[in-house]
Amino acid sequence: MIIVGVVEKGEIKLPPDVQLPEGAKVRVDVICPANTPPEESDKRPIGKKLLDFAGCVEGLPEDFSINHDHYLYGTPKQ
């Protein structure tokens, strides 16, 4: 479930119709800094943005970059 809220005076305000149980664990993911339009938040080309994730995944087969379709969809290996 994704719920979008707003920070007001240091507190996260959720929409009034959202009722979470007491003690519910939540994760806060800042979508865009306040007063910054999304298109202004990061003007790097998409290739540069994707480099932020390079090397993050561990435990993949050594040939994953060549045979990713095999591992994802079961196509024959190259």
PDB file of N, CA and C in Angstrom:
ATOM      1  N   MET A   1       0.853  -1.160   0.000  1.00  0.00           N
ATOM      2  CA  MET A   1       0.000   0.000   0.000  1.00  0.00           C
ATOM      3  C   MET A   1       0.902   1.226   0.000  1.00  0.00           C
ATOM      4  N   ILE A   2       0.614   2.189  -0.870  1.00  0.00           N
ATOM      5  CA  ILE A   2       1.357   3.440  -0.915  1.00  0.00           C
ATOM      6  C   ILE A   2       0.411   4.565  -0.519  1.00  0.00           C
ATOM      7  N   ILE A   3       0.831   5.343   0.463  1.00  0.00           N
ATOM      8  CA  ILE A   3       0.054   6.489   0.940  1.00  0.00           C
ATOM      9  C   ILE A   3       0.963   7.707   0.849  1.00  0.00           C
ATOM     10  N   VAL A   4       0.465   8.782   0.266  1.00  0.00           N
ATOM     11  CA  VAL A   4       1.257   9.997   0.151  1.00  0.00           C
ATOM     12  C   VAL A   4       0.809  10.974   1.222  1.00  0.00           C
ATOM     13  N   GLY A   5       1.759  11.426   2.008  1.00  0.00           N
ATOM     14  CA  GLY A   5       1.491  12.408   3.056  1.00  0.00           C
ATOM     15  C   GLY A   5       2.352  13.636   2.856  1.00  0.00           C
ATOM     16  N   VAL A   6       2.268  14.563   3.784  1.00  0.00           N
ATOM     17  CA  VAL A   6       3.010  15.819   3.715  1.00  0.00           C
ATOM     18  C   VAL A   6       3.592  16.103   5.096  1.00  0.00           C
ATOM     19  N   VAL A   7       4.797  16.670   5.127  1.00  0.00           N
ATOM     20  CA  VAL A   7       5.399  17.073   6.399  1.00  0.00           C
ATOM     21  C   VAL A   7       4.921  18.482   6.729  1.00  0.00           C
ATOM     22  N   GLU A   8       4.333  18.639   7.911  1.00  0.00           N
ATOM     23  CA  GLU A   8       3.875  19.944   8.406  1.00  0.00           C
ATOM     24  C   GLU A   8       4.404  20.124   9.823  1.00  0.00           C
ATOM     25  N   LYS A   9       5.205  21.153  10.021  1.00  0.00           N
ATOM     26  CA  LYS A   9       5.774  21.458  11.336  1.00  0.00           C
ATOM     27  C   LYS A   9       6.495  20.255  11.933  1.00  0.00           C
ATOM     28  N   GLY A  10       7.221  19.534  11.089  1.00  0.00           N
ATOM     29  CA  GLY A  10       8.020  18.414  11.558  1.00  0.00           C
ATOM     30  C   GLY A  10       7.277  17.110  11.745  1.00  0.00           C
ATOM     31  N   GLU A  11       5.982  17.071  11.452  1.00  0.00           N
ATOM     32  CA  GLU A  11       5.195  15.845  11.585  1.00  0.00           C
ATOM     33  C   GLU A  11       4.681  15.416  10.219  1.00  0.00           C
ATOM     34  N   ILE A  12       4.602  14.120  10.018  1.00  0.00           N
ATOM     35  CA  ILE A  12       4.059  13.597   8.770  1.00  0.00           C
ATOM     36  C   ILE A  12       2.548  13.531   8.894  1.00  0.00           C
ATOM     37  N   LYS A  13       1.873  14.231   8.007  1.00  0.00           N
ATOM     38  CA  LYS A  13       0.407  14.269   7.993  1.00  0.00           C
ATOM     39  C   LYS A  13      -0.092  13.387   6.858  1.00  0.00           C
ATOM     40  N   LEU A  14      -0.919  12.414   7.208  1.00  0.00           N
ATOM     41  CA  LEU A  14      -1.524  11.531   6.221  1.00  0.00           C
ATOM     42  C   LEU A  14      -2.906  12.058   5.856  1.00  0.00           C
ATOM     43  N   PRO A  15      -3.443  11.646   4.697  1.00  0.00           N
ATOM     44  CA  PRO A  15      -4.800  12.058   4.355  1.00  0.00           C
ATOM     45  C   PRO A  15      -5.779  11.638   5.452  1.00  0.00           C
ATOM     46  N   PRO A  16      -6.839  12.420   5.673  1.00  0.00           N
ATOM     47  CA  PRO A  16      -7.756  12.145   6.784  1.00  0.00           C
ATOM     48  C   PRO A  16      -8.455  10.787   6.710  1.00  0.00           C
ATOM     49  N   ASP A  17      -8.601  10.226   5.523  1.00  0.00           N
ATOM     50  CA  ASP A  17      -9.304   8.939   5.398  1.00  0.00           C
ATOM     51  C   ASP A  17      -8.395   7.740   5.671  1.00  0.00           C
ATOM     52  N   VAL A  18      -7.110   7.974   5.922  1.00  0.00           N
ATOM     53  CA  VAL A  18      -6.173   6.875   6.182  1.00  0.00           C
ATOM     54  C   VAL A  18      -6.152   6.566   7.676  1.00  0.00           C
ATOM     55  N   GLN A  19      -6.448   5.335   8.011  1.00  0.00           N
ATOM     56  CA  GLN A  19      -6.425   4.876   9.402  1.00  0.00           C
ATOM     57  C   GLN A  19      -5.479   3.697   9.500  1.00  0.00           C
ATOM     58  N   LEU A  20      -4.348   3.897  10.141  1.00  0.00           N
ATOM     59  CA  LEU A  20      -3.387   2.813  10.340  1.00  0.00           C
ATOM     60  C   LEU A  20      -3.490   2.320  11.774  1.00  0.00           C
ATOM     61  N   PRO A  21      -3.298   1.027  11.987  1.00  0.00           N
ATOM     62  CA  PRO A  21      -3.367   0.514  13.362  1.00  0.00           C
ATOM     63  C   PRO A  21      -2.207   1.041  14.201  1.00  0.00           C
ATOM     64  N   GLU A  22      -2.467   1.226  15.469  1.00  0.00           N
ATOM     65  CA  GLU A  22      -1.435   1.682  16.412  1.00  0.00           C
ATOM     66  C   GLU A  22      -0.251   0.728  16.369  1.00  0.00           C
ATOM     67  N   GLY A  23       0.948   1.262  16.259  1.00  0.00           N
ATOM     68  CA  GLY A  23       2.146   0.447  16.226  1.00  0.00           C
ATOM     69  C   GLY A  23       2.517  -0.064  14.842  1.00  0.00           C
ATOM     70  N   ALA A  24       1.750   0.325  13.819  1.00  0.00           N
ATOM     71  CA  ALA A  24       2.062  -0.121  12.457  1.00  0.00           C
ATOM     72  C   ALA A  24       3.434   0.396  12.056  1.00  0.00           C
ATOM     73  N   LYS A  25       4.234  -0.458  11.458  1.00  0.00           N
ATOM     74  CA  LYS A  25       5.540  -0.042  10.972  1.00  0.00           C
ATOM     75  C   LYS A  25       5.359   0.556   9.582  1.00  0.00           C
ATOM     76  N   VAL A  26       5.996   1.689   9.355  1.00  0.00           N
ATOM     77  CA  VAL A  26       5.902   2.366   8.067  1.00  0.00           C
ATOM     78  C   VAL A  26       7.306   2.698   7.570  1.00  0.00           C
ATOM     79  N   ARG A  27       7.422   2.949   6.285  1.00  0.00           N
ATOM     80  CA  ARG A  27       8.679   3.367   5.690  1.00  0.00           C
ATOM     81  C   ARG A  27       8.455   4.715   5.025  1.00  0.00           C
ATOM     82  N   VAL A  28       9.330   5.656   5.289  1.00  0.00           N
ATOM     83  CA  VAL A  28       9.219   6.990   4.714  1.00  0.00           C
ATOM     84  C   VAL A  28      10.212   7.093   3.561  1.00  0.00           C
ATOM     85  N   ASP A  29       9.713   7.441   2.384  1.00  0.00           N
ATOM     86  CA  ASP A  29      10.520   7.593   1.188  1.00  0.00           C
ATOM     87  C   ASP A  29      10.249   8.993   0.654  1.00  0.00           C
ATOM     88  N   VAL A  30      11.220   9.905   0.763  1.00  0.00           N
ATOM     89  CA  VAL A  30      11.007  11.278   0.328  1.00  0.00           C
ATOM     90  C   VAL A  30      10.915  11.292  -1.194  1.00  0.00           C
ATOM     91  N   ILE A  31       9.764  11.721  -1.692  1.00  0.00           N
ATOM     92  CA  ILE A  31       9.511  11.746  -3.130  1.00  0.00           C
ATOM     93  C   ILE A  31      10.259  12.897  -3.782  1.00  0.00           C
ATOM     94  N   CYS A  32      10.151  14.058  -3.200  1.00  0.00           N
ATOM     95  CA  CYS A  32      10.779  15.244  -3.757  1.00  0.00           C
ATOM     96  C   CYS A  32      10.943  16.251  -2.629  1.00  0.00           C
ATOM     97  N   PRO A  33      12.088  16.901  -2.531  1.00  0.00           N
ATOM     98  CA  PRO A  33      12.237  17.911  -1.490  1.00  0.00           C
ATOM     99  C   PRO A  33      11.143  18.977  -1.591  1.00  0.00           C
ATOM    100  N   ALA A  34      10.777  19.559  -0.463  1.00  0.00           N
ATOM    101  CA  ALA A  34       9.705  20.556  -0.432  1.00  0.00           C
ATOM    102  C   ALA A  34       9.994  21.704  -1.392  1.00  0.00           C
ATOM    103  N   ASN A  35       8.943  22.174  -2.036  1.00  0.00           N
ATOM    104  CA  ASN A  35       9.006  23.323  -2.935  1.00  0.00           C
ATOM    105  C   ASN A  35       9.900  23.104  -4.148  1.00  0.00           C
ATOM    106  N   THR A  36      10.203  21.872  -4.492  1.00  0.00           N
ATOM    107  CA  THR A  36      10.999  21.573  -5.676  1.00  0.00           C
ATOM    108  C   THR A  36      10.152  20.738  -6.624  1.00  0.00           C
ATOM    109  N   PRO A  37       9.837  21.260  -7.794  1.00  0.00           N
ATOM    110  CA  PRO A  37       9.077  20.452  -8.752  1.00  0.00           C
ATOM    111  C   PRO A  37       9.843  19.180  -9.092  1.00  0.00           C
ATOM    112  N   PRO A  38       9.159  18.052  -9.277  1.00  0.00           N
ATOM    113  CA  PRO A  38       9.851  16.781  -9.545  1.00  0.00           C
ATOM    114  C   PRO A  38      10.835  16.877 -10.700  1.00  0.00           C
ATOM    115  N   GLU A  39      10.495  17.591 -11.758  1.00  0.00           N
ATOM    116  CA  GLU A  39      11.394  17.674 -12.911  1.00  0.00           C
ATOM    117  C   GLU A  39      12.663  18.459 -12.595  1.00  0.00           C
ATOM    118  N   GLU A  40      12.664  19.248 -11.519  1.00  0.00           N
ATOM    119  CA  GLU A  40      13.837  20.027 -11.129  1.00  0.00           C
ATOM    120  C   GLU A  40      14.733  19.275 -10.146  1.00  0.00           C
ATOM    121  N   SER A  41      14.240  18.194  -9.528  1.00  0.00           N
ATOM    122  CA  SER A  41      14.967  17.559  -8.434  1.00  0.00           C
ATOM    123  C   SER A  41      16.252  16.870  -8.883  1.00  0.00           C
ATOM    124  N   ASP A  42      16.299  16.351 -10.094  1.00  0.00           N
ATOM    125  CA  ASP A  42      17.498  15.679 -10.579  1.00  0.00           C
ATOM    126  C   ASP A  42      17.513  15.781 -12.099  1.00  0.00           C
ATOM    127  N   LYS A  43      18.360  16.621 -12.617  1.00  0.00           N
ATOM    128  CA  LYS A  43      18.386  16.865 -14.058  1.00  0.00           C
ATOM    129  C   LYS A  43      19.392  15.981 -14.792  1.00  0.00           C
ATOM    130  N   ARG A  44      19.973  14.993 -14.090  1.00  0.00           N
ATOM    131  CA  ARG A  44      20.917  14.111 -14.765  1.00  0.00           C
ATOM    132  C   ARG A  44      20.197  13.254 -15.796  1.00  0.00           C
ATOM    133  N   PRO A  45      20.880  12.889 -16.875  1.00  0.00           N
ATOM    134  CA  PRO A  45      20.285  11.954 -17.842  1.00  0.00           C
ATOM    135  C   PRO A  45      19.981  10.620 -17.154  1.00  0.00           C
ATOM    136  N   ILE A  46      19.008   9.889 -17.682  1.00  0.00           N
ATOM    137  CA  ILE A  46      18.570   8.639 -17.059  1.00  0.00           C
ATOM    138  C   ILE A  46      19.718   7.647 -16.910  1.00  0.00           C
ATOM    139  N   GLY A  47      20.635   7.619 -17.876  1.00  0.00           N
ATOM    140  CA  GLY A  47      21.780   6.716 -17.772  1.00  0.00           C
ATOM    141  C   GLY A  47      22.638   7.013 -16.559  1.00  0.00           C
ATOM    142  N   LYS A  48      22.827   8.288 -16.250  1.00  0.00           N
ATOM    143  CA  LYS A  48      23.606   8.686 -15.069  1.00  0.00           C
ATOM    144  C   LYS A  48      22.856   8.332 -13.791  1.00  0.00           C
ATOM    145  N   LYS A  49      21.536   8.498 -13.799  1.00  0.00           N
ATOM    146  CA  LYS A  49      20.733   8.141 -12.616  1.00  0.00           C
ATOM    147  C   LYS A  49      20.821   6.639 -12.349  1.00  0.00           C
ATOM    148  N   LEU A  50      20.775   5.846 -13.408  1.00  0.00           N
ATOM    149  CA  LEU A  50      20.829   4.391 -13.240  1.00  0.00           C
ATOM    150  C   LEU A  50      22.178   3.934 -12.704  1.00  0.00           C
ATOM    151  N   LEU A  51      23.236   4.702 -12.958  1.00  0.00           N
ATOM    152  CA  LEU A  51      24.547   4.340 -12.422  1.00  0.00           C
ATOM    153  C   LEU A  51      24.569   4.344 -10.901  1.00  0.00           C
ATOM    154  N   ASP A  52      23.628   5.061 -10.275  1.00  0.00           N
ATOM    155  CA  ASP A  52      23.523   5.030  -8.813  1.00  0.00           C
ATOM    156  C   ASP A  52      23.286   3.615  -8.302  1.00  0.00           C
ATOM    157  N   PHE A  53      22.699   2.758  -9.148  1.00  0.00           N
ATOM    158  CA  PHE A  53      22.351   1.400  -8.746  1.00  0.00           C
ATOM    159  C   PHE A  53      23.366   0.366  -9.211  1.00  0.00           C
ATOM    160  N   ALA A  54      24.373   0.784  -9.968  1.00  0.00           N
ATOM    161  CA  ALA A  54      25.370  -0.149 -10.488  1.00  0.00           C
ATOM    162  C   ALA A  54      26.092  -0.831  -9.338  1.00  0.00           C
ATOM    163  N   GLY A  55      26.178  -2.149  -9.410  1.00  0.00           N
ATOM    164  CA  GLY A  55      26.903  -2.912  -8.406  1.00  0.00           C
ATOM    165  C   GLY A  55      26.145  -3.141  -7.116  1.00  0.00           C
ATOM    166  N   CYS A  56      24.871  -2.783  -7.070  1.00  0.00           N
ATOM    167  CA  CYS A  56      24.096  -2.924  -5.830  1.00  0.00           C
ATOM    168  C   CYS A  56      23.615  -4.346  -5.584  1.00  0.00           C
ATOM    169  N   VAL A  57      23.390  -5.093  -6.641  1.00  0.00           N
ATOM    170  CA  VAL A  57      22.804  -6.427  -6.503  1.00  0.00           C
ATOM    171  C   VAL A  57      23.918  -7.451  -6.338  1.00  0.00           C
ATOM    172  N   GLU A  58      23.748  -8.335  -5.372  1.00  0.00           N
ATOM    173  CA  GLU A  58      24.735  -9.382  -5.117  1.00  0.00           C
ATOM    174  C   GLU A  58      24.109 -10.750  -5.347  1.00  0.00           C
ATOM    175  N   GLY A  59      24.928 -11.727  -5.648  1.00  0.00           N
ATOM    176  CA  GLY A  59      24.473 -13.107  -5.743  1.00  0.00           C
ATOM    177  C   GLY A  59      23.922 -13.506  -7.099  1.00  0.00           C
ATOM    178  N   LEU A  60      24.117 -12.682  -8.138  1.00  0.00           N
ATOM    179  CA  LEU A  60      23.644 -13.055  -9.471  1.00  0.00           C
ATOM    180  C   LEU A  60      24.681 -13.946 -10.154  1.00  0.00           C
ATOM    181  N   PRO A  61      24.226 -14.789 -11.101  1.00  0.00           N
ATOM    182  CA  PRO A  61      25.192 -15.596 -11.856  1.00  0.00           C
ATOM    183  C   PRO A  61      26.146 -14.695 -12.640  1.00  0.00           C
ATOM    184  N   GLU A  62      27.364 -15.185 -12.894  1.00  0.00           N
ATOM    185  CA  GLU A  62      28.362 -14.380 -13.598  1.00  0.00           C
ATOM    186  C   GLU A  62      27.913 -13.990 -14.998  1.00  0.00           C
ATOM    187  N   ASP A  63      27.079 -14.809 -15.638  1.00  0.00           N
ATOM    188  CA  ASP A  63      26.641 -14.516 -17.006  1.00  0.00           C
ATOM    189  C   ASP A  63      25.274 -13.827 -17.050  1.00  0.00           C
ATOM    190  N   PHE A  64      24.852 -13.237 -15.958  1.00  0.00           N
ATOM    191  CA  PHE A  64      23.520 -12.632 -15.908  1.00  0.00           C
ATOM    192  C   PHE A  64      23.360 -11.514 -16.939  1.00  0.00           C
ATOM    193  N   SER A  65      24.397 -10.702 -17.144  1.00  0.00           N
ATOM    194  CA  SER A  65      24.266  -9.587 -18.088  1.00  0.00           C
ATOM    195  C   SER A  65      24.015 -10.086 -19.510  1.00  0.00           C
ATOM    196  N   ILE A  66      24.548 -11.255 -19.844  1.00  0.00           N
ATOM    197  CA  ILE A  66      24.364 -11.814 -21.187  1.00  0.00           C
ATOM    198  C   ILE A  66      23.067 -12.614 -21.261  1.00  0.00           C
ATOM    199  N   ASN A  67      22.749 -13.355 -20.213  1.00  0.00           N
ATOM    200  CA  ASN A  67      21.613 -14.285 -20.228  1.00  0.00           C
ATOM    201  C   ASN A  67      20.471 -13.873 -19.313  1.00  0.00           C
ATOM    202  N   HIS A  68      20.272 -12.578 -19.123  1.00  0.00           N
ATOM    203  CA  HIS A  68      19.205 -12.146 -18.216  1.00  0.00           C
ATOM    204  C   HIS A  68      17.832 -12.629 -18.661  1.00  0.00           C
ATOM    205  N   ASP A  69      17.575 -12.707 -19.966  1.00  0.00           N
ATOM    206  CA  ASP A  69      16.283 -13.222 -20.423  1.00  0.00           C
ATOM    207  C   ASP A  69      16.097 -14.691 -20.036  1.00  0.00           C
ATOM    208  N   HIS A  70      17.191 -15.440 -20.033  1.00  0.00           N
ATOM    209  CA  HIS A  70      17.103 -16.839 -19.606  1.00  0.00           C
ATOM    210  C   HIS A  70      16.687 -16.925 -18.137  1.00  0.00           C
ATOM    211  N   TYR A  71      17.339 -16.119 -17.292  1.00  0.00           N
ATOM    212  CA  TYR A  71      17.057 -16.177 -15.858  1.00  0.00           C
ATOM    213  C   TYR A  71      15.703 -15.559 -15.506  1.00  0.00           C
ATOM    214  N   LEU A  72      15.270 -14.568 -16.284  1.00  0.00           N
ATOM    215  CA  LEU A  72      13.992 -13.921 -15.981  1.00  0.00           C
ATOM    216  C   LEU A  72      12.805 -14.637 -16.621  1.00  0.00           C
ATOM    217  N   TYR A  73      12.983 -15.094 -17.870  1.00  0.00           N
ATOM    218  CA  TYR A  73      11.837 -15.618 -18.629  1.00  0.00           C
ATOM    219  C   TYR A  73      11.989 -17.055 -19.101  1.00  0.00           C
ATOM    220  N   GLY A  74      13.165 -17.661 -18.888  1.00  0.00           N
ATOM    221  CA  GLY A  74      13.366 -19.051 -19.283  1.00  0.00           C
ATOM    222  C   GLY A  74      13.730 -19.250 -20.737  1.00  0.00           C
ATOM    223  N   THR A  75      14.115 -18.191 -21.449  1.00  0.00           N
ATOM    224  CA  THR A  75      14.533 -18.344 -22.832  1.00  0.00           C
ATOM    225  C   THR A  75      15.866 -19.087 -22.877  1.00  0.00           C
ATOM    226  N   PRO A  76      16.222 -19.665 -24.036  1.00  0.00           N
ATOM    227  CA  PRO A  76      17.502 -20.384 -24.120  1.00  0.00           C
ATOM    228  C   PRO A  76      18.690 -19.452 -23.839  1.00  0.00           C
ATOM    229  N   LYS A  77      19.745 -19.997 -23.226  1.00  0.00           N
ATOM    230  CA  LYS A  77      20.950 -19.218 -22.967  1.00  0.00           C
ATOM    231  C   LYS A  77      21.648 -18.898 -24.285  1.00  0.00           C
ATOM    232  N   GLN A  78      22.380 -17.774 -24.280  1.00  0.00           N
ATOM    233  CA  GLN A  78      23.140 -17.375 -25.464  1.00  0.00           C
ATOM    234  C   GLN A  78      24.535 -17.957 -25.422  1.00  0.00           C
TER     235      GLN A  78
END
